[in-house]
Structures are given as structure tokens and as C-alpha cells.
Amino acid sequence: MCFFGFLCDVGFAFTCRVCDPKNCPEFNPKDCKVGITKDVCNCCPVCYKNVGETCGGPWNMFGVCARHLTCTKPFSPSVTIGPFNDFDAEGKCYDWS
């Protein structure tokens, strides 16, 4: 039990099951306009996200932007956990070039 929050260690955990491609959802590569990557567990194929699509979240659960795009997350001044300040944040894919 932790009485003083600032003395507690903050931990994040995520566990993937053993990869079995037979358990992957139905996937049509033709639906991927900007390329194909793997899901958060590096098992099943998923589409890269395109401009304006949702991305990020814990372990990029909401998706990963295509290589030429950036997942931009809203700034939240109320969240100050160092490098994890946007860890859970949902973003949108943008082309800043």
C-alpha cells in the first residue's frame, strides 16, 4: 500500500498472447492506402494510419501513422509524468513536411 503518491513507483504493463496468425481478424491488404504494419503485439497485419486518422495511445493501440506522417497528440498541461506525459494520449496523423 502506498500512502504518499509521490513515493510510489509508477508501472505500466501490457501482455501479448503467443502469436497465432489463425486468430488474426480478417484482413484485406487492398484496404491499406499507405502501407501495412503489424498490430501492437507484432502478430497480425494492420494498416498504417493515414492523414487525419487516430493514432497513438498506450503501446500505440490506436495505430501507427505511415512513415511520412507524425502522430500528433494534444498537449495536456495537467499531465506531467516526464517522458510518459503523452503515453496514453490519442493523437491524429499529420503530414508536417
PDB file of N, CA and C in Angstrom:
ATOM      1  N   MET A   1       0.850  -1.175   0.000  1.00  0.00           N
ATOM      2  CA  MET A   1       0.000   0.000   0.000  1.00  0.00           C
ATOM      3  C   MET A   1       0.893   1.234   0.000  1.00  0.00           C
ATOM      4  N   CYS A   2       0.465   2.239  -0.718  1.00  0.00           N
ATOM      5  CA  CYS A   2       1.253   3.456  -0.837  1.00  0.00           C
ATOM      6  C   CYS A   2       0.459   4.633  -0.278  1.00  0.00           C
ATOM      7  N   PHE A   3       1.023   5.263   0.752  1.00  0.00           N
ATOM      8  CA  PHE A   3       0.333   6.379   1.383  1.00  0.00           C
ATOM      9  C   PHE A   3       0.684   7.715   0.734  1.00  0.00           C
ATOM     10  N   PHE A   4       1.864   7.813   0.168  1.00  0.00           N
ATOM     11  CA  PHE A   4       2.307   9.050  -0.457  1.00  0.00           C
ATOM     12  C   PHE A   4       2.551   8.773  -1.933  1.00  0.00           C
ATOM     13  N   GLY A   5       1.666   9.279  -2.774  1.00  0.00           N
ATOM     14  CA  GLY A   5       1.724   9.012  -4.203  1.00  0.00           C
ATOM     15  C   GLY A   5       3.061   9.324  -4.839  1.00  0.00           C
ATOM     16  N   PHE A   6       3.716  10.388  -4.377  1.00  0.00           N
ATOM     17  CA  PHE A   6       4.981  10.761  -4.985  1.00  0.00           C
ATOM     18  C   PHE A   6       6.104   9.790  -4.643  1.00  0.00           C
ATOM     19  N   LEU A   7       5.901   8.899  -3.686  1.00  0.00           N
ATOM     20  CA  LEU A   7       6.914   7.908  -3.336  1.00  0.00           C
ATOM     21  C   LEU A   7       6.668   6.559  -4.014  1.00  0.00           C
ATOM     22  N   CYS A   8       5.558   6.434  -4.692  1.00  0.00           N
ATOM     23  CA  CYS A   8       5.215   5.159  -5.337  1.00  0.00           C
ATOM     24  C   CYS A   8       5.858   5.066  -6.711  1.00  0.00           C
ATOM     25  N   ASP A   9       6.218   3.895  -7.076  1.00  0.00           N
ATOM     26  CA  ASP A   9       6.752   3.635  -8.401  1.00  0.00           C
ATOM     27  C   ASP A   9       5.576   3.465  -9.356  1.00  0.00           C
ATOM     28  N   VAL A  10       5.610   4.183 -10.469  1.00  0.00           N
ATOM     29  CA  VAL A  10       4.552   4.073 -11.465  1.00  0.00           C
ATOM     30  C   VAL A  10       4.956   2.995 -12.459  1.00  0.00           C
ATOM     31  N   GLY A  11       4.072   2.049 -12.712  1.00  0.00           N
ATOM     32  CA  GLY A  11       4.394   0.982 -13.655  1.00  0.00           C
ATOM     33  C   GLY A  11       3.296   0.805 -14.680  1.00  0.00           C
ATOM     34  N   PHE A  12       3.705   0.442 -15.872  1.00  0.00           N
ATOM     35  CA  PHE A  12       2.777   0.174 -16.952  1.00  0.00           C
ATOM     36  C   PHE A  12       3.035  -1.247 -17.424  1.00  0.00           C
ATOM     37  N   ALA A  13       1.993  -1.988 -17.709  1.00  0.00           N
ATOM     38  CA  ALA A  13       2.172  -3.368 -18.151  1.00  0.00           C
ATOM     39  C   ALA A  13       1.204  -3.687 -19.279  1.00  0.00           C
ATOM     40  N   PHE A  14       1.661  -4.509 -20.180  1.00  0.00           N
ATOM     41  CA  PHE A  14       0.839  -4.989 -21.280  1.00  0.00           C
ATOM     42  C   PHE A  14       1.375  -6.358 -21.656  1.00  0.00           C
ATOM     43  N   THR A  15       0.495  -7.297 -21.851  1.00  0.00           N
ATOM     44  CA  THR A  15       0.922  -8.655 -22.178  1.00  0.00           C
ATOM     45  C   THR A  15       0.243  -9.113 -23.459  1.00  0.00           C
ATOM     46  N   CYS A  16       1.031  -9.664 -24.358  1.00  0.00           N
ATOM     47  CA  CYS A  16       0.503 -10.238 -25.593  1.00  0.00           C
ATOM     48  C   CYS A  16       0.490 -11.753 -25.473  1.00  0.00           C
ATOM     49  N   ARG A  17      -0.524 -12.349 -26.048  1.00  0.00           N
ATOM     50  CA  ARG A  17      -0.571 -13.808 -26.103  1.00  0.00           C
ATOM     51  C   ARG A  17       0.398 -14.292 -27.165  1.00  0.00           C
ATOM     52  N   VAL A  18       0.680 -15.584 -27.148  1.00  0.00           N
ATOM     53  CA  VAL A  18       1.531 -16.167 -28.179  1.00  0.00           C
ATOM     54  C   VAL A  18       0.851 -15.930 -29.528  1.00  0.00           C
ATOM     55  N   CYS A  19       1.631 -15.485 -30.497  1.00  0.00           N
ATOM     56  CA  CYS A  19       1.073 -15.149 -31.804  1.00  0.00           C
ATOM     57  C   CYS A  19       0.637 -16.404 -32.553  1.00  0.00           C
ATOM     58  N   ASP A  20      -0.613 -16.410 -32.968  1.00  0.00           N
ATOM     59  CA  ASP A  20      -1.144 -17.462 -33.832  1.00  0.00           C
ATOM     60  C   ASP A  20      -1.907 -16.759 -34.950  1.00  0.00           C
ATOM     61  N   PRO A  21      -1.310 -16.653 -36.130  1.00  0.00           N
ATOM     62  CA  PRO A  21      -1.945 -15.931 -37.236  1.00  0.00           C
ATOM     63  C   PRO A  21      -3.364 -16.401 -37.556  1.00  0.00           C
ATOM     64  N   LYS A  22      -3.703 -17.615 -37.189  1.00  0.00           N
ATOM     65  CA  LYS A  22      -5.066 -18.107 -37.425  1.00  0.00           C
ATOM     66  C   LYS A  22      -6.092 -17.315 -36.609  1.00  0.00           C
ATOM     67  N   ASN A  23      -5.645 -16.688 -35.524  1.00  0.00           N
ATOM     68  CA  ASN A  23      -6.550 -15.924 -34.663  1.00  0.00           C
ATOM     69  C   ASN A  23      -6.649 -14.447 -35.050  1.00  0.00           C
ATOM     70  N   CYS A  24      -5.922 -14.047 -36.085  1.00  0.00           N
ATOM     71  CA  CYS A  24      -5.962 -12.648 -36.521  1.00  0.00           C
ATOM     72  C   CYS A  24      -7.302 -12.343 -37.187  1.00  0.00           C
ATOM     73  N   PRO A  25      -7.789 -11.108 -37.016  1.00  0.00           N
ATOM     74  CA  PRO A  25      -9.035 -10.732 -37.687  1.00  0.00           C
ATOM     75  C   PRO A  25      -8.854 -10.752 -39.204  1.00  0.00           C
ATOM     76  N   GLU A  26      -9.962 -10.857 -39.904  1.00  0.00           N
ATOM     77  CA  GLU A  26      -9.917 -10.843 -41.365  1.00  0.00           C
ATOM     78  C   GLU A  26      -9.223  -9.564 -41.826  1.00  0.00           C
ATOM     79  N   PHE A  27      -8.364  -9.690 -42.835  1.00  0.00           N
ATOM     80  CA  PHE A  27      -7.543  -8.560 -43.270  1.00  0.00           C
ATOM     81  C   PHE A  27      -7.439  -8.564 -44.789  1.00  0.00           C
ATOM     82  N   ASN A  28      -7.696  -7.412 -45.396  1.00  0.00           N
ATOM     83  CA  ASN A  28      -7.545  -7.261 -46.839  1.00  0.00           C
ATOM     84  C   ASN A  28      -6.500  -6.184 -47.098  1.00  0.00           C
ATOM     85  N   PRO A  29      -5.303  -6.562 -47.574  1.00  0.00           N
ATOM     86  CA  PRO A  29      -4.233  -5.583 -47.806  1.00  0.00           C
ATOM     87  C   PRO A  29      -4.634  -4.462 -48.766  1.00  0.00           C
ATOM     88  N   LYS A  30      -5.605  -4.717 -49.625  1.00  0.00           N
ATOM     89  CA  LYS A  30      -6.049  -3.687 -50.574  1.00  0.00           C
ATOM     90  C   LYS A  30      -6.723  -2.518 -49.857  1.00  0.00           C
ATOM     91  N   ASP A  31      -7.147  -2.732 -48.615  1.00  0.00           N
ATOM     92  CA  ASP A  31      -7.772  -1.661 -47.833  1.00  0.00           C
ATOM     93  C   ASP A  31      -6.748  -0.677 -47.269  1.00  0.00           C
ATOM     94  N   CYS A  32      -5.466  -1.026 -47.344  1.00  0.00           N
ATOM     95  CA  CYS A  32      -4.399  -0.199 -46.761  1.00  0.00           C
ATOM     96  C   CYS A  32      -3.861   0.776 -47.800  1.00  0.00           C
ATOM     97  N   LYS A  33      -4.228   2.041 -47.675  1.00  0.00           N
ATOM     98  CA  LYS A  33      -3.835   3.055 -48.650  1.00  0.00           C
ATOM     99  C   LYS A  33      -2.381   3.502 -48.504  1.00  0.00           C
ATOM    100  N   VAL A  34      -1.824   3.401 -47.285  1.00  0.00           N
ATOM    101  CA  VAL A  34      -0.460   3.909 -47.062  1.00  0.00           C
ATOM    102  C   VAL A  34       0.490   2.846 -46.521  1.00  0.00           C
ATOM    103  N   GLY A  35       0.133   1.590 -46.621  1.00  0.00           N
ATOM    104  CA  GLY A  35       1.051   0.531 -46.221  1.00  0.00           C
ATOM    105  C   GLY A  35       0.526  -0.351 -45.108  1.00  0.00           C
ATOM    106  N   ILE A  36       1.299  -1.386 -44.849  1.00  0.00           N
ATOM    107  CA  ILE A  36       0.917  -2.412 -43.875  1.00  0.00           C
ATOM    108  C   ILE A  36       1.994  -2.530 -42.805  1.00  0.00           C
ATOM    109  N   THR A  37       1.558  -2.717 -41.574  1.00  0.00           N
ATOM    110  CA  THR A  37       2.454  -2.950 -40.444  1.00  0.00           C
ATOM    111  C   THR A  37       1.853  -4.082 -39.612  1.00  0.00           C
ATOM    112  N   LYS A  38       2.366  -4.278 -38.421  1.00  0.00           N
ATOM    113  CA  LYS A  38       1.834  -5.300 -37.513  1.00  0.00           C
ATOM    114  C   LYS A  38       1.102  -4.623 -36.359  1.00  0.00           C
ATOM    115  N   ASP A  39       0.238  -5.372 -35.715  1.00  0.00           N
ATOM    116  CA  ASP A  39      -0.515  -4.839 -34.575  1.00  0.00           C
ATOM    117  C   ASP A  39       0.400  -4.611 -33.379  1.00  0.00           C
ATOM    118  N   VAL A  40      -0.179  -4.169 -32.287  1.00  0.00           N
ATOM    119  CA  VAL A  40       0.575  -3.826 -31.080  1.00  0.00           C
ATOM    120  C   VAL A  40       1.375  -5.013 -30.545  1.00  0.00           C
ATOM    121  N   CYS A  41       0.939  -6.227 -30.822  1.00  0.00           N
ATOM    122  CA  CYS A  41       1.655  -7.430 -30.368  1.00  0.00           C
ATOM    123  C   CYS A  41       2.607  -7.976 -31.427  1.00  0.00           C
ATOM    124  N   ASN A  42       2.764  -7.239 -32.527  1.00  0.00           N
ATOM    125  CA  ASN A  42       3.652  -7.643 -33.611  1.00  0.00           C
ATOM    126  C   ASN A  42       3.260  -9.008 -34.175  1.00  0.00           C
ATOM    127  N   CYS A  43       1.956  -9.241 -34.287  1.00  0.00           N
ATOM    128  CA  CYS A  43       1.448 -10.530 -34.749  1.00  0.00           C
ATOM    129  C   CYS A  43       0.617 -10.391 -36.024  1.00  0.00           C
ATOM    130  N   CYS A  44      -0.472  -9.678 -35.931  1.00  0.00           N
ATOM    131  CA  CYS A  44      -1.433  -9.596 -37.037  1.00  0.00           C
ATOM    132  C   CYS A  44      -1.167  -8.371 -37.912  1.00  0.00           C
ATOM    133  N   PRO A  45      -1.379  -8.503 -39.223  1.00  0.00           N
ATOM    134  CA  PRO A  45      -1.214  -7.342 -40.095  1.00  0.00           C
ATOM    135  C   PRO A  45      -2.337  -6.330 -39.877  1.00  0.00           C
ATOM    136  N   VAL A  46      -1.960  -5.060 -39.912  1.00  0.00           N
ATOM    137  CA  VAL A  46      -2.910  -3.948 -39.826  1.00  0.00           C
ATOM    138  C   VAL A  46      -2.427  -2.848 -40.768  1.00  0.00           C
ATOM    139  N   CYS A  47      -3.312  -1.960 -41.114  1.00  0.00           N
ATOM    140  CA  CYS A  47      -2.953  -0.837 -41.982  1.00  0.00           C
ATOM    141  C   CYS A  47      -2.256   0.258 -41.178  1.00  0.00           C
ATOM    142  N   TYR A  48      -1.236   0.875 -41.802  1.00  0.00           N
ATOM    143  CA  TYR A  48      -0.713   2.115 -41.238  1.00  0.00           C
ATOM    144  C   TYR A  48      -1.837   3.134 -41.292  1.00  0.00           C
ATOM    145  N   LYS A  49      -1.813   4.096 -40.397  1.00  0.00           N
ATOM    146  CA  LYS A  49      -2.823   5.147 -40.365  1.00  0.00           C
ATOM    147  C   LYS A  49      -2.440   6.259 -41.341  1.00  0.00           C
ATOM    148  N   ASN A  50      -3.452   6.882 -41.928  1.00  0.00           N
ATOM    149  CA  ASN A  50      -3.267   7.936 -42.906  1.00  0.00           C
ATOM    150  C   ASN A  50      -3.589   9.295 -42.271  1.00  0.00           C
ATOM    151  N   VAL A  51      -3.403  10.355 -43.018  1.00  0.00           N
ATOM    152  CA  VAL A  51      -3.655  11.716 -42.535  1.00  0.00           C
ATOM    153  C   VAL A  51      -5.053  11.825 -41.929  1.00  0.00           C
ATOM    154  N   GLY A  52      -5.111  12.370 -40.711  1.00  0.00           N
ATOM    155  CA  GLY A  52      -6.377  12.603 -40.024  1.00  0.00           C
ATOM    156  C   GLY A  52      -6.916  11.418 -39.251  1.00  0.00           C
ATOM    157  N   GLU A  53      -6.272  10.253 -39.382  1.00  0.00           N
ATOM    158  CA  GLU A  53      -6.750   9.073 -38.666  1.00  0.00           C
ATOM    159  C   GLU A  53      -6.179   9.031 -37.247  1.00  0.00           C
ATOM    160  N   THR A  54      -6.881   8.332 -36.368  1.00  0.00           N
ATOM    161  CA  THR A  54      -6.487   8.205 -34.968  1.00  0.00           C
ATOM    162  C   THR A  54      -5.237   7.343 -34.841  1.00  0.00           C
ATOM    163  N   CYS A  55      -4.346   7.740 -33.926  1.00  0.00           N
ATOM    164  CA  CYS A  55      -3.098   7.008 -33.698  1.00  0.00           C
ATOM    165  C   CYS A  55      -2.713   7.119 -32.224  1.00  0.00           C
ATOM    166  N   GLY A  56      -1.650   6.428 -31.853  1.00  0.00           N
ATOM    167  CA  GLY A  56      -1.092   6.557 -30.508  1.00  0.00           C
ATOM    168  C   GLY A  56      -1.793   5.719 -29.468  1.00  0.00           C
ATOM    169  N   GLY A  57      -1.867   6.270 -28.255  1.00  0.00           N
ATOM    170  CA  GLY A  57      -2.423   5.532 -27.131  1.00  0.00           C
ATOM    171  C   GLY A  57      -1.367   4.650 -26.498  1.00  0.00           C
ATOM    172  N   PRO A  58      -1.721   3.966 -25.413  1.00  0.00           N
ATOM    173  CA  PRO A  58      -0.747   3.087 -24.766  1.00  0.00           C
ATOM    174  C   PRO A  58      -0.249   2.031 -25.747  1.00  0.00           C
ATOM    175  N   TRP A  59       1.046   1.950 -25.893  1.00  0.00           N
ATOM    176  CA  TRP A  59       1.677   0.979 -26.795  1.00  0.00           C
ATOM    177  C   TRP A  59       1.160   1.119 -28.226  1.00  0.00           C
ATOM    178  N   ASN A  60       0.743   2.317 -28.608  1.00  0.00           N
ATOM    179  CA  ASN A  60       0.193   2.589 -29.944  1.00  0.00           C
ATOM    180  C   ASN A  60      -1.012   1.721 -30.281  1.00  0.00           C
ATOM    181  N   MET A  61      -1.847   1.463 -29.288  1.00  0.00           N
ATOM    182  CA  MET A  61      -3.031   0.626 -29.503  1.00  0.00           C
ATOM    183  C   MET A  61      -4.004   1.214 -30.516  1.00  0.00           C
ATOM    184  N   PHE A  62      -3.981   2.534 -30.696  1.00  0.00           N
ATOM    185  CA  PHE A  62      -4.895   3.164 -31.651  1.00  0.00           C
ATOM    186  C   PHE A  62      -4.314   3.188 -33.056  1.00  0.00           C
ATOM    187  N   GLY A  63      -3.088   2.720 -33.214  1.00  0.00           N
ATOM    188  CA  GLY A  63      -2.480   2.633 -34.537  1.00  0.00           C
ATOM    189  C   GLY A  63      -1.217   3.454 -34.673  1.00  0.00           C
ATOM    190  N   VAL A  64      -0.506   3.165 -35.762  1.00  0.00           N
ATOM    191  CA  VAL A  64       0.759   3.824 -36.073  1.00  0.00           C
ATOM    192  C   VAL A  64       0.604   4.531 -37.416  1.00  0.00           C
ATOM    193  N   CYS A  65       1.074   5.761 -37.482  1.00  0.00           N
ATOM    194  CA  CYS A  65       0.993   6.529 -38.726  1.00  0.00           C
ATOM    195  C   CYS A  65       1.969   5.982 -39.762  1.00  0.00           C
ATOM    196  N   ALA A  66       1.627   6.196 -41.039  1.00  0.00           N
ATOM    197  CA  ALA A  66       2.542   5.852 -42.125  1.00  0.00           C
ATOM    198  C   ALA A  66       3.869   6.567 -41.884  1.00  0.00           C
ATOM    199  N   ARG A  67       4.924   6.042 -42.465  1.00  0.00           N
ATOM    200  CA  ARG A  67       6.281   6.532 -42.174  1.00  0.00           C
ATOM    201  C   ARG A  67       6.483   8.024 -42.428  1.00  0.00           C
ATOM    202  N   HIS A  68       5.791   8.603 -43.391  1.00  0.00           N
ATOM    203  CA  HIS A  68       5.975  10.022 -43.708  1.00  0.00           C
ATOM    204  C   HIS A  68       5.078  10.931 -42.867  1.00  0.00           C
ATOM    205  N   LEU A  69       4.308  10.341 -41.952  1.00  0.00           N
ATOM    206  CA  LEU A  69       3.388  11.111 -41.115  1.00  0.00           C
ATOM    207  C   LEU A  69       3.829  11.094 -39.655  1.00  0.00           C
ATOM    208  N   THR A  70       3.285  12.016 -38.867  1.00  0.00           N
ATOM    209  CA  THR A  70       3.598  12.115 -37.444  1.00  0.00           C
ATOM    210  C   THR A  70       2.316  12.010 -36.637  1.00  0.00           C
ATOM    211  N   CYS A  71       2.350  11.202 -35.580  1.00  0.00           N
ATOM    212  CA  CYS A  71       1.209  11.106 -34.674  1.00  0.00           C
ATOM    213  C   CYS A  71       1.295  12.283 -33.705  1.00  0.00           C
ATOM    214  N   THR A  72       0.422  13.253 -33.888  1.00  0.00           N
ATOM    215  CA  THR A  72       0.430  14.465 -33.078  1.00  0.00           C
ATOM    216  C   THR A  72      -0.634  14.349 -31.999  1.00  0.00           C
ATOM    217  N   LYS A  73      -0.178  14.472 -30.754  1.00  0.00           N
ATOM    218  CA  LYS A  73      -1.071  14.328 -29.605  1.00  0.00           C
ATOM    219  C   LYS A  73      -1.290  15.686 -28.960  1.00  0.00           C
ATOM    220  N   PRO A  74      -2.488  15.927 -28.447  1.00  0.00           N
ATOM    221  CA  PRO A  74      -2.759  17.225 -27.821  1.00  0.00           C
ATOM    222  C   PRO A  74      -1.918  17.422 -26.566  1.00  0.00           C
ATOM    223  N   PHE A  75      -1.463  18.655 -26.361  1.00  0.00           N
ATOM    224  CA  PHE A  75      -0.701  18.979 -25.163  1.00  0.00           C
ATOM    225  C   PHE A  75      -1.639  19.043 -23.972  1.00  0.00           C
ATOM    226  N   SER A  76      -1.237  18.427 -22.875  1.00  0.00           N
ATOM    227  CA  SER A  76      -2.054  18.444 -21.665  1.00  0.00           C
ATOM    228  C   SER A  76      -1.209  18.938 -20.499  1.00  0.00           C
ATOM    229  N   PRO A  77      -1.342  20.213 -20.104  1.00  0.00           N
ATOM    230  CA  PRO A  77      -0.527  20.748 -19.010  1.00  0.00           C
ATOM    231  C   PRO A  77      -0.807  20.082 -17.669  1.00  0.00           C
ATOM    232  N   SER A  78      -1.937  19.389 -17.551  1.00  0.00           N
ATOM    233  CA  SER A  78      -2.263  18.743 -16.276  1.00  0.00           C
ATOM    234  C   SER A  78      -1.545  17.407 -16.110  1.00  0.00           C
ATOM    235  N   VAL A  79      -0.961  16.896 -17.199  1.00  0.00           N
ATOM    236  CA  VAL A  79      -0.261  15.609 -17.132  1.00  0.00           C
ATOM    237  C   VAL A  79       1.227  15.878 -17.182  1.00  0.00           C
ATOM    238  N   THR A  80       1.912  15.624 -16.078  1.00  0.00           N
ATOM    239  CA  THR A  80       3.351  15.874 -16.023  1.00  0.00           C
ATOM    240  C   THR A  80       4.060  14.682 -15.407  1.00  0.00           C
ATOM    241  N   ILE A  81       4.160  13.620 -16.170  1.00  0.00           N
ATOM    242  CA  ILE A  81       4.856  12.425 -15.688  1.00  0.00           C
ATOM    243  C   ILE A  81       6.127  12.234 -16.509  1.00  0.00           C
ATOM    244  N   GLY A  82       6.834  13.310 -16.770  1.00  0.00           N
ATOM    245  CA  GLY A  82       8.067  13.224 -17.532  1.00  0.00           C
ATOM    246  C   GLY A  82       7.835  12.693 -18.933  1.00  0.00           C
ATOM    247  N   PRO A  83       8.646  11.705 -19.350  1.00  0.00           N
ATOM    248  CA  PRO A  83       8.547  11.209 -20.723  1.00  0.00           C
ATOM    249  C   PRO A  83       7.243  10.474 -21.009  1.00  0.00           C
ATOM    250  N   PHE A  84       6.460  10.181 -19.989  1.00  0.00           N
ATOM    251  CA  PHE A  84       5.209   9.460 -20.192  1.00  0.00           C
ATOM    252  C   PHE A  84       4.008  10.400 -20.283  1.00  0.00           C
ATOM    253  N   ASN A  85       4.248  11.718 -20.416  1.00  0.00           N
ATOM    254  CA  ASN A  85       3.129  12.652 -20.362  1.00  0.00           C
ATOM    255  C   ASN A  85       2.107  12.437 -21.471  1.00  0.00           C
ATOM    256  N   ASP A  86       2.501  11.842 -22.586  1.00  0.00           N
ATOM    257  CA  ASP A  86       1.515  11.583 -23.632  1.00  0.00           C
ATOM    258  C   ASP A  86       1.374  10.089 -23.905  1.00  0.00           C
ATOM    259  N   PHE A  87       1.823   9.265 -22.989  1.00  0.00           N
ATOM    260  CA  PHE A  87       1.820   7.808 -23.177  1.00  0.00           C
ATOM    261  C   PHE A  87       0.433   7.278 -23.512  1.00  0.00           C
ATOM    262  N   ASP A  88      -0.582   7.718 -22.793  1.00  0.00           N
ATOM    263  CA  ASP A  88      -1.947   7.240 -23.003  1.00  0.00           C
ATOM    264  C   ASP A  88      -2.718   8.068 -24.023  1.00  0.00           C
ATOM    265  N   ALA A  89      -2.123   9.140 -24.497  1.00  0.00           N
ATOM    266  CA  ALA A  89      -2.856  10.079 -25.338  1.00  0.00           C
ATOM    267  C   ALA A  89      -3.162   9.524 -26.725  1.00  0.00           C
ATOM    268  N   GLU A  90      -4.343   9.860 -27.167  1.00  0.00           N
ATOM    269  CA  GLU A  90      -4.773   9.543 -28.526  1.00  0.00           C
ATOM    270  C   GLU A  90      -4.404  10.730 -29.399  1.00  0.00           C
ATOM    271  N   GLY A  91      -3.878  10.468 -30.573  1.00  0.00           N
ATOM    272  CA  GLY A  91      -3.493  11.547 -31.469  1.00  0.00           C
ATOM    273  C   GLY A  91      -4.117  11.400 -32.839  1.00  0.00           C
ATOM    274  N   LYS A  92      -3.671  12.258 -33.742  1.00  0.00           N
ATOM    275  CA  LYS A  92      -4.086  12.212 -35.148  1.00  0.00           C
ATOM    276  C   LYS A  92      -2.830  12.259 -36.006  1.00  0.00           C
ATOM    277  N   CYS A  93      -2.878  11.573 -37.138  1.00  0.00           N
ATOM    278  CA  CYS A  93      -1.742  11.561 -38.060  1.00  0.00           C
ATOM    279  C   CYS A  93      -1.754  12.830 -38.915  1.00  0.00           C
ATOM    280  N   TYR A  94      -0.588  13.506 -38.982  1.00  0.00           N
ATOM    281  CA  TYR A  94      -0.447  14.712 -39.785  1.00  0.00           C
ATOM    282  C   TYR A  94       0.828  14.649 -40.597  1.00  0.00           C
ATOM    283  N   ASP A  95       0.809  15.349 -41.720  1.00  0.00           N
ATOM    284  CA  ASP A  95       1.991  15.487 -42.569  1.00  0.00           C
ATOM    285  C   ASP A  95       2.515  16.899 -42.361  1.00  0.00           C
ATOM    286  N   TRP A  96       3.602  17.028 -41.616  1.00  0.00           N
ATOM    287  CA  TRP A  96       4.153  18.343 -41.290  1.00  0.00           C
ATOM    288  C   TRP A  96       5.251  18.774 -42.255  1.00  0.00           C
ATOM    289  N   SER A  97       5.464  18.010 -43.330  1.00  0.00           N
ATOM    290  CA  SER A  97       6.548  18.373 -44.264  1.00  0.00           C
ATOM    291  C   SER A  97       6.143  19.478 -45.215  1.00  0.00           C
TER     292      SER A  97
END
